[in-house]
Protein backbone atom coordinates (compact mmCIF):
# COMPACT_ATOMS: atom_id res chain seq x y z
CA UNK A 1 79.21 86.30 111.76
CA UNK A 2 78.86 89.00 114.44
CA UNK A 3 78.28 91.70 111.84
CA UNK A 4 81.66 91.18 110.22
CA UNK A 5 82.04 91.25 106.43
CA UNK A 6 83.07 87.76 105.38
CA UNK A 7 83.20 85.90 102.07
CA UNK A 8 85.15 83.16 100.29
CA UNK A 9 86.95 82.83 96.97
CA UNK A 10 87.33 79.44 95.34
CA UNK A 11 90.02 78.59 92.79
CA UNK A 12 93.65 77.60 92.41
CA UNK A 13 95.51 79.47 95.15
CA UNK A 14 99.21 80.32 94.92
CA UNK A 15 100.82 82.08 97.87
CA UNK A 16 103.85 82.08 100.17
CA UNK A 17 103.95 81.41 103.87
CA UNK A 18 107.58 82.52 104.10
CA UNK A 19 110.33 83.82 101.81
CA UNK A 20 111.62 81.17 99.42
CA UNK A 21 108.56 78.93 99.50
CA UNK A 22 105.49 78.62 97.29
CA UNK A 23 102.25 77.00 98.34
CA UNK A 24 99.84 75.71 95.68
CA UNK A 25 96.31 74.80 96.73
CA UNK A 26 94.22 73.56 93.82
CA UNK A 27 90.47 74.18 94.08
CA UNK A 28 90.65 75.50 97.62
CA UNK A 29 88.66 78.15 99.43
CA UNK A 30 90.18 81.40 100.68
CA UNK A 31 88.06 82.89 103.46
CA UNK A 32 88.33 86.66 103.89
CA UNK A 33 87.08 88.26 107.09
CA UNK A 34 87.09 92.04 107.54
CA UNK A 35 89.72 92.49 104.84
CA UNK A 36 92.12 89.83 106.09
CA UNK A 37 92.67 86.20 105.14
CA UNK A 38 91.04 84.09 107.84
CA UNK A 39 92.20 80.80 106.36
CA UNK A 40 92.58 78.53 103.34
CA UNK A 41 90.59 75.30 103.21
CA UNK A 42 90.13 72.31 100.91
CA UNK A 43 86.47 72.34 101.99
CA UNK A 44 84.60 75.09 103.77
CA UNK A 45 84.27 74.45 107.50
CA UNK A 46 80.72 74.12 108.75
CA UNK A 47 80.80 77.59 110.36
CA UNK A 48 81.40 79.17 106.92
CA UNK A 49 78.82 77.19 104.93
CA UNK A 50 76.41 80.14 104.68
CA UNK A 51 78.88 82.82 103.59
CA UNK A 52 78.99 84.14 99.98
CA UNK A 53 81.38 82.22 97.71
CA UNK A 54 82.76 83.45 94.38
CA UNK A 55 83.97 80.52 92.25
CA UNK A 56 86.82 81.39 89.86
CA UNK A 57 86.99 77.91 88.36
CA UNK A 58 90.47 77.01 87.11
CA UNK A 59 91.78 80.57 87.32
CA UNK A 60 94.68 81.46 89.63
CA UNK A 61 94.20 83.49 92.80
CA UNK A 62 97.38 85.16 94.00
CA UNK A 63 98.23 87.84 96.59
CA UNK A 64 98.17 91.42 95.31
CA UNK A 65 101.46 92.76 93.99
CA UNK A 66 103.23 95.82 95.42
CA UNK A 67 104.86 98.38 93.13
CA UNK A 68 107.53 100.13 95.20
CA UNK A 69 108.43 102.82 92.64
CA UNK A 70 106.03 104.16 90.04
CA UNK A 71 105.81 107.64 88.48
CA UNK A 72 102.09 108.17 87.96
CA UNK A 73 102.44 111.08 85.48
CA UNK A 74 104.79 109.01 83.29
CA UNK A 75 102.14 106.39 82.55
CA UNK A 76 101.12 108.00 79.26
CA UNK A 77 104.52 107.37 77.66
CA UNK A 78 105.51 104.11 79.36
CA UNK A 79 107.95 102.03 77.32
CA UNK A 80 108.70 104.86 74.88
CA UNK A 81 112.11 106.28 73.87
CA UNK A 82 114.01 103.66 75.84
CA UNK A 83 117.01 104.20 73.57
CA UNK A 84 117.67 107.61 75.17
CA UNK A 85 120.02 108.26 78.07
CA UNK A 86 118.24 109.20 81.31
CA UNK A 87 118.73 112.98 81.22
CA UNK A 88 117.81 113.19 77.54
CA UNK A 89 114.76 111.03 78.21
CA UNK A 90 113.72 113.34 81.05
CA UNK A 91 114.09 116.45 78.92
CA UNK A 92 112.35 114.92 75.91
CA UNK A 93 109.45 113.13 77.57
CA UNK A 94 109.16 113.50 81.31
CA UNK A 95 109.58 117.19 82.06
CA UNK A 96 107.23 118.42 79.31
CA UNK A 97 104.59 115.88 80.32
CA UNK A 98 104.80 116.59 84.04
CA UNK A 99 104.45 120.33 83.44
CA UNK A 100 100.94 119.67 82.10
CA UNK A 101 99.77 118.62 85.57
CA UNK A 102 99.40 122.22 86.66
CA UNK A 103 96.18 121.95 84.63
CA UNK A 104 93.84 120.04 86.94
CA UNK A 105 91.53 119.02 84.11
CA UNK A 106 94.46 117.35 82.37
CA UNK A 107 95.66 115.83 85.63
CA UNK A 108 92.23 114.43 86.44
CA UNK A 109 91.95 112.70 83.07
CA UNK A 110 95.49 111.35 83.05
CA UNK A 111 95.50 110.16 86.66
CA UNK A 112 92.10 108.51 86.10
CA UNK A 113 93.62 106.40 83.32
CA UNK A 114 96.55 105.48 85.57
CA UNK A 115 94.36 104.66 88.58
CA UNK A 116 91.89 102.61 86.54
CA UNK A 117 94.78 100.58 85.14
CA UNK A 118 96.11 99.87 88.63
CA UNK A 119 92.63 98.95 89.85
CA UNK A 120 92.21 96.36 87.08
CA UNK A 121 95.72 94.92 87.43
CA UNK A 122 97.28 92.53 89.92
CA UNK A 123 98.86 95.48 91.77
CA UNK A 124 97.04 96.38 94.97
CA UNK A 125 99.67 98.60 96.65
CA UNK A 126 101.81 101.34 95.14
CA UNK A 127 104.48 103.81 96.18
CA UNK A 128 103.95 106.62 93.70
CA UNK A 129 105.71 109.80 92.64
CA UNK A 130 103.40 112.58 91.49
CA UNK A 131 104.68 116.01 90.33
CA UNK A 132 105.65 119.28 92.01
CA UNK A 133 102.00 120.43 91.85
CA UNK A 134 100.14 120.26 95.17
CA UNK A 135 96.58 120.19 93.85
CA UNK A 136 97.28 117.58 91.20
CA UNK A 137 99.02 115.39 93.78
CA UNK A 138 95.97 115.61 96.04
CA UNK A 139 93.82 114.68 93.07
CA UNK A 140 95.91 111.53 92.49
CA UNK A 141 95.55 110.62 96.16
CA UNK A 142 91.78 111.15 95.99
CA UNK A 143 91.51 108.81 93.02
CA UNK A 144 93.65 106.08 94.59
CA UNK A 145 91.59 106.33 97.78
CA UNK A 146 88.37 106.09 95.79
CA UNK A 147 89.71 103.00 93.99
CA UNK A 148 90.57 101.30 97.29
CA UNK A 149 94.27 101.00 96.45
CA UNK A 150 96.70 101.11 99.37
CA UNK A 151 99.23 103.76 98.38
CA UNK A 152 102.02 106.03 99.50
CA UNK A 153 102.10 109.16 97.33
CA UNK A 154 104.67 111.93 97.20
CA UNK A 155 104.55 115.50 95.96
CA UNK A 156 107.87 115.73 94.12
CA UNK A 157 110.56 118.22 95.20
CA UNK A 158 113.08 119.53 92.64
CA UNK A 159 114.95 122.82 92.63
CA UNK A 160 117.72 122.43 90.02
CA UNK A 161 118.70 120.82 86.69
CA UNK A 162 115.19 120.97 85.30
CA UNK A 163 113.33 123.44 83.07
CA UNK A 164 112.10 126.74 84.49
CA UNK A 165 108.52 125.60 83.99
CA UNK A 166 109.05 122.56 86.24
CA UNK A 167 111.40 123.72 88.96
CA UNK A 168 110.80 125.08 92.43
CA UNK A 169 112.64 128.33 93.09
CA UNK A 170 114.52 127.05 96.14
CA UNK A 171 114.67 124.30 98.72
CA UNK A 172 112.85 126.63 101.11
CA UNK A 173 110.00 127.12 98.64
CA UNK A 174 109.84 123.37 98.06
CA UNK A 175 109.67 122.75 101.81
CA UNK A 176 106.89 125.31 102.30
CA UNK A 177 104.88 123.85 99.42
CA UNK A 178 105.33 120.38 100.89
CA UNK A 179 104.13 121.49 104.32
CA UNK A 180 101.05 123.10 102.76
CA UNK A 181 100.37 119.86 100.87
CA UNK A 182 100.74 117.80 104.07
CA UNK A 183 98.23 120.03 105.86
CA UNK A 184 95.76 119.51 103.02
CA UNK A 185 96.31 115.75 103.16
CA UNK A 186 95.61 115.71 106.91
CA UNK A 187 92.24 117.37 106.33
CA UNK A 188 91.16 114.59 103.96
CA UNK A 189 91.41 111.71 106.47
CA UNK A 190 92.36 109.06 103.91
CA UNK A 191 91.86 105.41 104.83
CA UNK A 192 94.10 103.78 102.22
CA UNK A 193 96.51 106.52 101.12
CA UNK A 194 99.45 108.07 102.97
CA UNK A 195 101.78 110.96 102.08
CA UNK A 196 105.53 110.51 101.75
CA UNK A 197 108.38 112.99 101.26
CA UNK A 198 109.70 112.69 97.72
CA UNK A 199 112.86 114.57 96.72
CA UNK A 200 113.14 113.51 93.08
CA UNK A 201 116.78 112.47 92.99
CA UNK A 202 120.24 114.02 93.48
CA UNK A 203 120.60 115.66 90.05
CA UNK A 204 117.38 117.66 90.51
CA UNK A 205 117.73 118.42 94.23
CA UNK A 206 120.26 120.92 95.62
CA UNK A 207 122.22 120.16 98.76
CA UNK A 208 119.83 122.43 100.68
């Protein structure tokens, strides 16, 4: 097929053509060409008869899900202490855990668990918060890129209402650290991962 990468998946397809509708195609073929859906067919057209086909039997094939707000360093304590108010929860769980990401060995191990989970799940795109640490944030981006997950990742900015061990000294320092991080990202030439600006939220970000 002119050197293009092309294959088909067979199974029970569930997808939407437009908002508010659901299409169900039992035992159909989904033809993928160069990373995009070429078409869905009850039977493979003659021109696709020689392409590789992976048969998923009666299993469902759905579009990948998109997670628009995920804190990657919070994965280790997901679902825990949900009886706490937000600020107490941050002080008890989140801030102590995120401070550990200045240790790249810890960050590598923890982000690997997070990335492997995403890779094996139905989520194929994420918008992820990291921490204030430049190198650990780059490490997360490297792992998502390696896993082939389309992602927007942000180095977090926070300069107030957080512990000394997890707070940038000023908005100016946060901006300079962010610019240094963006320069490092540009040198990596990612194909799937993009940087985003990520002020944490109003309580932890000064007006500046």
